[in-house]
Amino acid sequence: MSTHPNTRIEASADISSEAHVGEGTTIWHLAHVREDARLGKNCILGRGAYVGPGVTLGDNCKVQNYALVYEPAVLEDGVFIGPAVVLTNDTYPRAINPDGSLKSADDWDAVGVTIQQGAAIGARAVCVAPVTIGAWAMVAAGAVVNKDVPDFALMVGVPARQLGWVGKTGHRLKLEGDVWVCPDTGDRFVENEGMLSPA
């Protein structure tokens, strides 16, 4: 296992010797990090969280208690994963093949969830792979995401639908004329063909 001196890994965590854990990262009790997973700098992995083989986390990510991040997920810098979130990886899940034999790793193709910079996934939400969650998007607690999410989108419900837009601090944007404005920072955005960009 590749680690740095100022990482913190609780004794009950199960970290593969083939994983890479970045400088300043904290891994709490009973967390499980599999082979070839790469955790960036200053990440926090909560109690009982799972990070699958080959999963990549950027810097400053937070994966809260009992979240399940299955391979080949990619989390960019500053991603928040709430408690008990699930990022799936199998489009056609089955325990057995048609002949009744137990499926092995060679009997299916893993597909992943990509979460771009600064996005947040609320508690107990499920992202059904393959999907991409855009930068700074917000997925509400309990939502089920089964299609790609634009940057800054606020997604709610089962299946998830877009309810509006959020800014980089997570506050819901307000429409002022033709411009979306963050009430927290004053940042201004314009909407064009279902996408948001800085004004």
Protein backbone atom coordinates (compact mmCIF):
# COMPACT_ATOMS: atom_id res chain seq x y z
CA MET A 1 0.00 0.00 0.00
CA SER A 2 1.30 3.41 -0.95
CA THR A 3 0.68 5.98 1.79
CA HIS A 4 2.17 9.21 3.15
CA PRO A 5 3.27 9.92 6.74
CA ASN A 6 0.39 12.30 7.50
CA THR A 7 -2.40 9.93 6.45
CA ARG A 8 -4.65 8.51 9.15
CA ILE A 9 -5.89 4.94 8.78
CA GLU A 10 -7.82 3.33 11.62
CA ALA A 11 -6.62 -0.14 12.60
CA SER A 12 -9.95 -1.79 11.75
CA ALA A 13 -9.92 -0.49 8.15
CA ASP A 14 -9.10 -3.06 5.46
CA ILE A 15 -6.77 -1.42 2.92
CA SER A 16 -5.26 -3.48 0.08
CA SER A 17 -1.50 -3.50 -0.13
CA GLU A 18 -2.01 -2.56 -3.81
CA ALA A 19 -4.07 0.58 -3.08
CA HIS A 20 -2.71 4.12 -3.18
CA VAL A 21 -3.74 6.50 -0.40
CA GLY A 22 -2.86 10.16 -0.89
CA GLU A 23 -1.21 12.54 1.54
CA GLY A 24 -3.46 13.85 4.30
CA THR A 25 -6.23 11.32 3.67
CA THR A 26 -8.20 9.88 6.61
CA ILE A 27 -9.78 6.41 6.52
CA TRP A 28 -12.11 5.56 9.37
CA HIS A 29 -13.15 2.34 11.12
CA LEU A 30 -14.18 -0.70 9.06
CA ALA A 31 -13.70 1.03 5.70
CA HIS A 32 -12.57 -1.23 2.86
CA VAL A 33 -10.31 -0.07 0.01
CA ARG A 34 -9.60 -2.67 -2.67
CA GLU A 35 -6.59 -3.31 -4.89
CA ASP A 36 -5.53 -0.64 -7.39
CA ALA A 37 -7.91 1.94 -5.89
CA ARG A 38 -6.42 5.43 -5.88
CA LEU A 39 -7.45 7.95 -3.22
CA GLY A 40 -6.16 11.47 -3.74
CA LYS A 41 -4.88 13.98 -1.21
CA ASN A 42 -6.92 15.09 1.82
CA CYS A 43 -9.81 12.68 1.25
CA ILE A 44 -12.08 11.38 4.02
CA LEU A 45 -13.44 7.84 3.86
CA GLY A 46 -16.10 7.25 6.50
CA ARG A 47 -16.87 4.27 8.70
CA GLY A 48 -17.78 1.14 6.75
CA ALA A 49 -17.37 2.77 3.33
CA TYR A 50 -16.33 0.57 0.41
CA VAL A 51 -14.09 1.57 -2.52
CA GLY A 52 -13.81 -1.08 -5.24
CA PRO A 53 -10.81 -2.26 -7.26
CA GLY A 54 -9.42 0.40 -9.56
CA VAL A 55 -11.77 3.16 -8.35
CA THR A 56 -10.25 6.64 -8.56
CA LEU A 57 -10.92 9.49 -6.12
CA GLY A 58 -9.46 12.92 -6.79
CA ASP A 59 -8.22 15.26 -4.09
CA ASN A 60 -10.46 16.56 -1.27
CA CYS A 61 -13.25 13.99 -1.72
CA LYS A 62 -15.56 12.97 1.12
CA VAL A 63 -17.12 9.50 1.06
CA GLN A 64 -19.41 9.22 4.07
CA ASN A 65 -20.29 6.24 6.27
CA TYR A 66 -21.39 3.02 4.56
CA ALA A 67 -21.27 4.41 1.04
CA LEU A 68 -20.53 1.83 -1.67
CA VAL A 69 -18.36 3.02 -4.55
CA TYR A 70 -18.11 0.14 -7.01
CA GLU A 71 -15.50 -0.12 -9.76
CA PRO A 72 -14.81 1.42 -12.23
CA ALA A 73 -16.18 4.64 -10.67
CA VAL A 74 -14.24 7.88 -11.08
CA LEU A 75 -14.69 10.78 -8.66
CA GLU A 76 -13.01 14.04 -9.60
CA ASP A 77 -11.68 16.59 -7.08
CA GLY A 78 -13.99 17.81 -4.32
CA VAL A 79 -16.78 15.26 -4.73
CA PHE A 80 -19.14 14.60 -1.79
CA ILE A 81 -20.72 11.15 -1.39
CA GLY A 82 -23.34 11.05 1.38
CA PRO A 83 -24.01 8.24 3.85
CA ALA A 84 -25.16 4.93 2.34
CA VAL A 85 -24.93 6.15 -1.27
CA VAL A 86 -24.53 3.39 -3.87
CA LEU A 87 -22.68 3.80 -7.17
CA THR A 88 -23.58 0.67 -9.16
CA ASN A 89 -21.56 -1.08 -11.87
CA ASP A 90 -23.68 -3.78 -13.54
CA THR A 91 -26.31 -2.99 -16.20
CA TYR A 92 -27.71 -6.52 -16.21
CA PRO A 93 -27.15 -7.89 -12.69
CA ARG A 94 -27.44 -11.63 -12.17
CA ALA A 95 -25.88 -14.01 -9.65
CA ILE A 96 -25.89 -16.91 -12.12
CA ASN A 97 -25.49 -17.57 -15.84
CA PRO A 98 -28.39 -19.02 -17.88
CA ASP A 99 -26.96 -22.52 -17.31
CA GLY A 100 -27.23 -22.04 -13.54
CA SER A 101 -23.49 -21.66 -12.92
CA LEU A 102 -22.32 -18.92 -10.57
CA LYS A 103 -21.21 -15.80 -12.43
CA SER A 104 -17.54 -14.91 -12.18
CA ALA A 105 -15.76 -11.63 -12.86
CA ASP A 106 -15.28 -12.77 -16.48
CA ASP A 107 -19.04 -13.20 -17.07
CA TRP A 108 -20.00 -9.53 -17.14
CA ASP A 109 -18.69 -6.10 -18.11
CA ALA A 110 -18.36 -3.56 -15.31
CA VAL A 111 -19.63 -0.07 -16.17
CA GLY A 112 -18.96 2.92 -13.98
CA VAL A 113 -20.32 6.13 -12.57
CA THR A 114 -18.31 9.30 -13.22
CA ILE A 115 -18.82 12.22 -10.86
CA GLN A 116 -17.25 15.49 -11.92
CA GLN A 117 -15.62 18.20 -9.83
CA GLY A 118 -17.50 19.54 -6.82
CA ALA A 119 -20.68 17.50 -7.31
CA ALA A 120 -22.58 16.15 -4.29
CA ILE A 121 -24.65 12.98 -3.94
CA GLY A 122 -27.11 13.02 -1.02
CA ALA A 123 -27.64 10.29 1.57
CA ARG A 124 -28.99 6.95 0.31
CA ALA A 125 -29.08 8.10 -3.30
CA VAL A 126 -28.31 5.52 -5.99
CA CYS A 127 -26.48 6.27 -9.24
CA VAL A 128 -27.19 3.51 -11.78
CA ALA A 129 -24.19 3.04 -14.08
CA PRO A 130 -23.27 4.05 -16.64
CA VAL A 131 -24.00 7.71 -15.81
CA THR A 132 -22.03 10.93 -15.52
CA ILE A 133 -22.90 13.48 -12.83
CA GLY A 134 -21.84 16.94 -14.01
CA ALA A 135 -19.60 19.35 -12.15
CA TRP A 136 -21.15 21.04 -9.08
CA ALA A 137 -24.45 19.17 -9.57
CA MET A 138 -26.52 18.22 -6.51
CA VAL A 139 -28.36 14.89 -6.24
CA ALA A 140 -30.94 14.95 -3.44
CA ALA A 141 -31.08 12.35 -0.70
CA GLY A 142 -32.84 9.17 -1.78
CA ALA A 143 -32.82 9.99 -5.50
CA VAL A 144 -32.19 7.32 -8.14
CA VAL A 145 -30.14 8.68 -11.04
CA ASN A 146 -30.40 6.65 -14.26
CA LYS A 147 -29.31 9.21 -16.86
CA ASP A 148 -26.55 11.78 -17.22
CA VAL A 149 -26.84 14.95 -15.13
CA PRO A 150 -25.77 18.40 -16.42
CA ASP A 151 -23.32 20.65 -14.56
CA PHE A 152 -25.01 22.59 -11.70
CA ALA A 153 -28.27 20.59 -11.98
CA LEU A 154 -30.44 19.89 -8.91
CA MET A 155 -31.82 16.34 -9.21
CA VAL A 156 -34.57 14.84 -7.04
CA GLY A 157 -36.86 11.83 -6.95
CA VAL A 158 -37.20 8.29 -8.30
CA PRO A 159 -36.25 8.28 -11.08
CA ALA A 160 -34.34 11.52 -10.63
CA ARG A 161 -35.61 14.57 -12.51
CA GLN A 162 -34.17 18.06 -12.65
CA LEU A 163 -35.84 20.49 -10.24
CA GLY A 164 -33.60 23.49 -10.90
CA TRP A 165 -30.00 24.66 -10.65
CA VAL A 166 -27.48 25.11 -7.83
CA GLY A 167 -24.32 27.17 -7.50
CA LYS A 168 -20.89 26.08 -6.28
CA THR A 169 -21.94 26.45 -2.63
CA GLY A 170 -24.96 24.20 -3.17
CA HIS A 171 -27.55 26.97 -2.82
CA ARG A 172 -30.43 26.88 -5.29
CA LEU A 173 -30.11 29.51 -8.03
CA LYS A 174 -32.82 32.14 -8.53
CA LEU A 175 -33.90 33.35 -11.97
CA GLU A 176 -33.57 37.13 -12.37
CA GLY A 177 -34.72 38.07 -15.87
CA ASP A 178 -32.68 35.82 -18.17
CA VAL A 179 -29.89 35.19 -15.64
CA TRP A 180 -29.63 32.59 -12.88
CA VAL A 181 -28.10 34.08 -9.71
CA CYS A 182 -26.62 32.38 -6.65
CA PRO A 183 -28.13 34.01 -3.51
CA ASP A 184 -25.03 33.03 -1.54
CA THR A 185 -22.16 34.22 -3.76
CA GLY A 186 -23.84 36.43 -6.37
CA ASP A 187 -22.38 34.26 -9.15
CA ARG A 188 -24.38 34.64 -12.38
CA PHE A 189 -25.18 31.98 -14.97
CA VAL A 190 -27.01 31.73 -18.28
CA GLU A 191 -29.00 28.74 -19.50
CA ASN A 192 -28.71 27.59 -23.08
CA GLU A 193 -30.22 24.36 -24.47
CA GLY A 194 -30.49 22.75 -21.05
CA MET A 195 -26.95 23.61 -19.97
CA LEU A 196 -25.75 26.28 -17.52
CA SER A 197 -22.60 28.37 -17.96
CA PRO A 198 -21.13 31.41 -16.19
CA ALA A 199 -22.64 34.69 -17.40
